[in-house]
């Protein structure tokens, strides 16, 4: 076999493997976060309403229980939509970020970006199904939503 012919076969094999790999890795379910968050909030006795916000390309989940009001939204790993999500939560008293079942006063951007890149690599290898989301929670002052059992929210 000549050199140009071997090179063509190598390129064809690499192309076949790359396309086959893309077909074999299933698409990420865009609704899994919304469904899991709604179930979590309902288990914690909240009345839940989901609204699709065109500006953020992600649903804003509004939950109420007695005098407590929450607005929950997905943040991008790099925090680029953080100000928009906070603007949509105008009127709330406090906000915090939940990432990997831990509560942060602000988004730990370095951590969320590194975790996103690593998770995306693992997902493309087929080792995990979903990339862990970053969640912004805005609350009224009477909520203490930081004390919710965020560990029960299975988003890994």
C-alpha atoms as a PDB file:
ATOM      1  CA  UNK A   1       0.000   0.000   0.000  1.00  0.00           C
ATOM      2  CA  UNK A   2       1.395   3.368  -0.963  1.00  0.00           C
ATOM      3  CA  UNK A   3       1.794   6.284   1.416  1.00  0.00           C
ATOM      4  CA  UNK A   4      -1.026   8.466   0.014  1.00  0.00           C
ATOM      5  CA  UNK A   5      -3.396   5.496   0.104  1.00  0.00           C
ATOM      6  CA  UNK A   6      -2.522   4.664   3.735  1.00  0.00           C
ATOM      7  CA  UNK A   7      -2.996   8.302   4.677  1.00  0.00           C
ATOM      8  CA  UNK A   8      -6.465   8.336   3.073  1.00  0.00           C
ATOM      9  CA  UNK A   9      -7.442   5.183   4.963  1.00  0.00           C
ATOM     10  CA  UNK A  10      -6.253   6.724   8.239  1.00  0.00           C
ATOM     11  CA  UNK A  11      -8.279   9.877   7.590  1.00  0.00           C
ATOM     12  CA  UNK A  12     -11.348   7.805   6.681  1.00  0.00           C
ATOM     13  CA  UNK A  13     -10.984   5.699   9.847  1.00  0.00           C
ATOM     14  CA  UNK A  14     -10.569   8.791  12.030  1.00  0.00           C
ATOM     15  CA  UNK A  15     -13.620  10.408  10.433  1.00  0.00           C
ATOM     16  CA  UNK A  16     -15.657   7.224  10.906  1.00  0.00           C
ATOM     17  CA  UNK A  17     -14.663   7.006  14.582  1.00  0.00           C
ATOM     18  CA  UNK A  18     -15.374  10.691  15.234  1.00  0.00           C
ATOM     19  CA  UNK A  19     -18.821  10.573  13.640  1.00  0.00           C
ATOM     20  CA  UNK A  20     -19.607   7.230  15.276  1.00  0.00           C
ATOM     21  CA  UNK A  21     -18.628   8.643  18.667  1.00  0.00           C
ATOM     22  CA  UNK A  22     -20.951  11.627  18.212  1.00  0.00           C
ATOM     23  CA  UNK A  23     -23.824   9.305  17.309  1.00  0.00           C
ATOM     24  CA  UNK A  24     -23.132   6.958  20.228  1.00  0.00           C
ATOM     25  CA  UNK A  25     -23.148   9.684  22.921  1.00  0.00           C
ATOM     26  CA  UNK A  26     -26.796  10.487  23.743  1.00  0.00           C
ATOM     27  CA  UNK A  27     -28.016  14.065  23.763  1.00  0.00           C
ATOM     28  CA  UNK A  28     -28.409  15.806  27.097  1.00  0.00           C
ATOM     29  CA  UNK A  29     -32.027  16.026  28.246  1.00  0.00           C
ATOM     30  CA  UNK A  30     -32.795  19.768  28.433  1.00  0.00           C
ATOM     31  CA  UNK A  31     -35.755  19.218  30.779  1.00  0.00           C
ATOM     32  CA  UNK A  32     -34.037  17.137  33.458  1.00  0.00           C
ATOM     33  CA  UNK A  33     -33.124  20.178  35.566  1.00  0.00           C
ATOM     34  CA  UNK A  34     -36.608  21.646  35.439  1.00  0.00           C
ATOM     35  CA  UNK A  35     -38.217  18.309  36.332  1.00  0.00           C
ATOM     36  CA  UNK A  36     -35.805  17.603  39.195  1.00  0.00           C
ATOM     37  CA  UNK A  37     -36.151  21.104  40.648  1.00  0.00           C
ATOM     38  CA  UNK A  38     -39.953  20.978  40.504  1.00  0.00           C
ATOM     39  CA  UNK A  39     -40.015  17.578  42.256  1.00  0.00           C
ATOM     40  CA  UNK A  40     -37.527  18.803  44.890  1.00  0.00           C
ATOM     41  CA  UNK A  41     -39.525  21.943  45.655  1.00  0.00           C
ATOM     42  CA  UNK A  42     -42.824  20.052  45.760  1.00  0.00           C
ATOM     43  CA  UNK A  43     -41.316  17.510  48.187  1.00  0.00           C
ATOM     44  CA  UNK A  44     -40.453  20.480  50.393  1.00  0.00           C
ATOM     45  CA  UNK A  45     -44.093  21.667  50.327  1.00  0.00           C
ATOM     46  CA  UNK A  46     -43.805  24.506  47.832  1.00  0.00           C
ATOM     47  CA  UNK A  47     -46.416  25.391  45.216  1.00  0.00           C
ATOM     48  CA  UNK A  48     -44.459  25.539  41.964  1.00  0.00           C
ATOM     49  CA  UNK A  49     -45.002  27.446  38.716  1.00  0.00           C
ATOM     50  CA  UNK A  50     -42.581  27.180  35.787  1.00  0.00           C
ATOM     51  CA  UNK A  51     -42.303  30.064  33.340  1.00  0.00           C
ATOM     52  CA  UNK A  52     -40.187  29.977  30.208  1.00  0.00           C
ATOM     53  CA  UNK A  53     -38.175  33.180  30.042  1.00  0.00           C
ATOM     54  CA  UNK A  54     -37.186  34.049  26.495  1.00  0.00           C
ATOM     55  CA  UNK A  55     -34.291  36.254  27.589  1.00  0.00           C
ATOM     56  CA  UNK A  56     -32.431  33.532  29.510  1.00  0.00           C
ATOM     57  CA  UNK A  57     -33.291  30.536  27.319  1.00  0.00           C
ATOM     58  CA  UNK A  58     -34.012  28.690  30.552  1.00  0.00           C
ATOM     59  CA  UNK A  59     -37.081  28.363  32.710  1.00  0.00           C
ATOM     60  CA  UNK A  60     -37.541  30.444  35.829  1.00  0.00           C
ATOM     61  CA  UNK A  61     -39.165  28.364  38.549  1.00  0.00           C
ATOM     62  CA  UNK A  62     -41.295  30.295  40.999  1.00  0.00           C
ATOM     63  CA  UNK A  63     -42.182  28.543  44.246  1.00  0.00           C
ATOM     64  CA  UNK A  64     -44.268  29.727  47.171  1.00  0.00           C
ATOM     65  CA  UNK A  65     -45.008  28.392  50.635  1.00  0.00           C
ATOM     66  CA  UNK A  66     -46.902  30.566  53.149  1.00  0.00           C
ATOM     67  CA  UNK A  67     -44.996  33.904  53.155  1.00  0.00           C
ATOM     68  CA  UNK A  68     -41.928  32.399  51.469  1.00  0.00           C
ATOM     69  CA  UNK A  69     -41.282  33.108  47.785  1.00  0.00           C
ATOM     70  CA  UNK A  70     -38.464  31.607  45.721  1.00  0.00           C
ATOM     71  CA  UNK A  71     -37.279  32.107  42.165  1.00  0.00           C
ATOM     72  CA  UNK A  72     -34.914  29.458  40.886  1.00  0.00           C
ATOM     73  CA  UNK A  73     -32.976  29.635  37.612  1.00  0.00           C
ATOM     74  CA  UNK A  74     -30.024  27.939  35.961  1.00  0.00           C
ATOM     75  CA  UNK A  75     -26.835  29.965  35.648  1.00  0.00           C
ATOM     76  CA  UNK A  76     -24.197  29.438  32.995  1.00  0.00           C
ATOM     77  CA  UNK A  77     -20.952  27.920  34.326  1.00  0.00           C
ATOM     78  CA  UNK A  78     -19.026  31.095  33.456  1.00  0.00           C
ATOM     79  CA  UNK A  79     -21.607  33.346  35.119  1.00  0.00           C
ATOM     80  CA  UNK A  80     -22.335  35.271  31.930  1.00  0.00           C
ATOM     81  CA  UNK A  81     -26.101  35.282  32.549  1.00  0.00           C
ATOM     82  CA  UNK A  82     -25.817  36.021  36.280  1.00  0.00           C
ATOM     83  CA  UNK A  83     -26.890  39.682  36.030  1.00  0.00           C
ATOM     84  CA  UNK A  84     -29.825  38.841  33.771  1.00  0.00           C
ATOM     85  CA  UNK A  85     -31.082  36.145  36.151  1.00  0.00           C
ATOM     86  CA  UNK A  86     -30.702  38.505  39.112  1.00  0.00           C
ATOM     87  CA  UNK A  87     -32.590  41.200  37.192  1.00  0.00           C
ATOM     88  CA  UNK A  88     -35.463  38.785  36.573  1.00  0.00           C
ATOM     89  CA  UNK A  89     -35.554  38.140  40.335  1.00  0.00           C
ATOM     90  CA  UNK A  90     -36.024  41.819  41.162  1.00  0.00           C
ATOM     91  CA  UNK A  91     -38.137  42.233  44.260  1.00  0.00           C
ATOM     92  CA  UNK A  92     -36.567  39.350  46.135  1.00  0.00           C
ATOM     93  CA  UNK A  93     -34.609  40.123  49.299  1.00  0.00           C
ATOM     94  CA  UNK A  94     -31.647  37.755  49.044  1.00  0.00           C
ATOM     95  CA  UNK A  95     -30.062  35.368  46.609  1.00  0.00           C
ATOM     96  CA  UNK A  96     -27.529  32.573  46.707  1.00  0.00           C
ATOM     97  CA  UNK A  97     -26.064  29.929  44.424  1.00  0.00           C
ATOM     98  CA  UNK A  98     -26.360  26.156  44.773  1.00  0.00           C
ATOM     99  CA  UNK A  99     -23.664  24.064  43.117  1.00  0.00           C
ATOM    100  CA  UNK A 100     -23.077  20.378  43.839  1.00  0.00           C
ATOM    101  CA  UNK A 101     -25.424  20.564  46.872  1.00  0.00           C
ATOM    102  CA  UNK A 102     -23.406  23.369  48.460  1.00  0.00           C
ATOM    103  CA  UNK A 103     -24.716  26.870  49.064  1.00  0.00           C
ATOM    104  CA  UNK A 104     -22.561  29.861  48.071  1.00  0.00           C
ATOM    105  CA  UNK A 105     -23.297  33.544  48.568  1.00  0.00           C
ATOM    106  CA  UNK A 106     -21.838  34.195  45.085  1.00  0.00           C
ATOM    107  CA  UNK A 107     -21.125  31.910  42.161  1.00  0.00           C
ATOM    108  CA  UNK A 108     -17.656  30.324  42.467  1.00  0.00           C
ATOM    109  CA  UNK A 109     -16.904  30.927  38.798  1.00  0.00           C
ATOM    110  CA  UNK A 110     -13.464  29.285  38.704  1.00  0.00           C
ATOM    111  CA  UNK A 111     -14.899  26.144  40.295  1.00  0.00           C
ATOM    112  CA  UNK A 112     -17.982  26.014  38.081  1.00  0.00           C
ATOM    113  CA  UNK A 113     -16.027  26.573  34.858  1.00  0.00           C
ATOM    114  CA  UNK A 114     -13.420  23.922  35.685  1.00  0.00           C
ATOM    115  CA  UNK A 115     -16.116  21.473  36.730  1.00  0.00           C
ATOM    116  CA  UNK A 116     -18.074  22.190  33.539  1.00  0.00           C
ATOM    117  CA  UNK A 117     -15.072  21.542  31.296  1.00  0.00           C
ATOM    118  CA  UNK A 118     -14.184  18.311  33.121  1.00  0.00           C
ATOM    119  CA  UNK A 119     -17.810  17.116  33.165  1.00  0.00           C
ATOM    120  CA  UNK A 120     -18.238  17.874  29.491  1.00  0.00           C
ATOM    121  CA  UNK A 121     -15.144  15.795  28.715  1.00  0.00           C
ATOM    122  CA  UNK A 122     -16.475  12.913  30.837  1.00  0.00           C
ATOM    123  CA  UNK A 123     -19.887  13.191  29.217  1.00  0.00           C
ATOM    124  CA  UNK A 124     -18.402  12.987  25.738  1.00  0.00           C
ATOM    125  CA  UNK A 125     -16.595   9.835  26.823  1.00  0.00           C
ATOM    126  CA  UNK A 126     -19.946   8.446  27.932  1.00  0.00           C
ATOM    127  CA  UNK A 127     -18.946   8.234  31.593  1.00  0.00           C
ATOM    128  CA  UNK A 128     -21.660  10.596  32.906  1.00  0.00           C
ATOM    129  CA  UNK A 129     -25.116  11.512  31.606  1.00  0.00           C
ATOM    130  CA  UNK A 130     -25.579  15.110  32.714  1.00  0.00           C
ATOM    131  CA  UNK A 131     -23.397  18.083  33.539  1.00  0.00           C
ATOM    132  CA  UNK A 132     -23.983  19.413  37.056  1.00  0.00           C
ATOM    133  CA  UNK A 133     -25.874  22.716  36.792  1.00  0.00           C
ATOM    134  CA  UNK A 134     -25.294  25.949  38.668  1.00  0.00           C
ATOM    135  CA  UNK A 135     -28.523  27.179  40.264  1.00  0.00           C
ATOM    136  CA  UNK A 136     -29.397  30.696  41.373  1.00  0.00           C
ATOM    137  CA  UNK A 137     -32.011  30.957  44.129  1.00  0.00           C
ATOM    138  CA  UNK A 138     -33.608  34.309  44.946  1.00  0.00           C
ATOM    139  CA  UNK A 139     -35.771  34.364  48.052  1.00  0.00           C
ATOM    140  CA  UNK A 140     -37.943  36.584  50.187  1.00  0.00           C
ATOM    141  CA  UNK A 141     -36.604  37.398  53.626  1.00  0.00           C
ATOM    142  CA  UNK A 142     -38.880  34.911  55.419  1.00  0.00           C
ATOM    143  CA  UNK A 143     -37.633  31.825  53.558  1.00  0.00           C
ATOM    144  CA  UNK A 144     -34.263  30.606  54.860  1.00  0.00           C
ATOM    145  CA  UNK A 145     -34.031  28.550  51.678  1.00  0.00           C
ATOM    146  CA  UNK A 146     -30.330  27.992  52.363  1.00  0.00           C
ATOM    147  CA  UNK A 147     -31.508  25.429  54.911  1.00  0.00           C
ATOM    148  CA  UNK A 148     -33.415  23.344  52.385  1.00  0.00           C
ATOM    149  CA  UNK A 149     -31.903  19.864  51.965  1.00  0.00           C
ATOM    150  CA  UNK A 150     -30.105  20.693  48.703  1.00  0.00           C
ATOM    151  CA  UNK A 151     -28.198  17.403  49.006  1.00  0.00           C
ATOM    152  CA  UNK A 152     -31.481  15.679  48.084  1.00  0.00           C
ATOM    153  CA  UNK A 153     -31.492  17.422  44.732  1.00  0.00           C
ATOM    154  CA  UNK A 154     -29.931  14.781  42.490  1.00  0.00           C
ATOM    155  CA  UNK A 155     -28.331  16.780  39.686  1.00  0.00           C
ATOM    156  CA  UNK A 156     -25.075  14.983  39.083  1.00  0.00           C
END
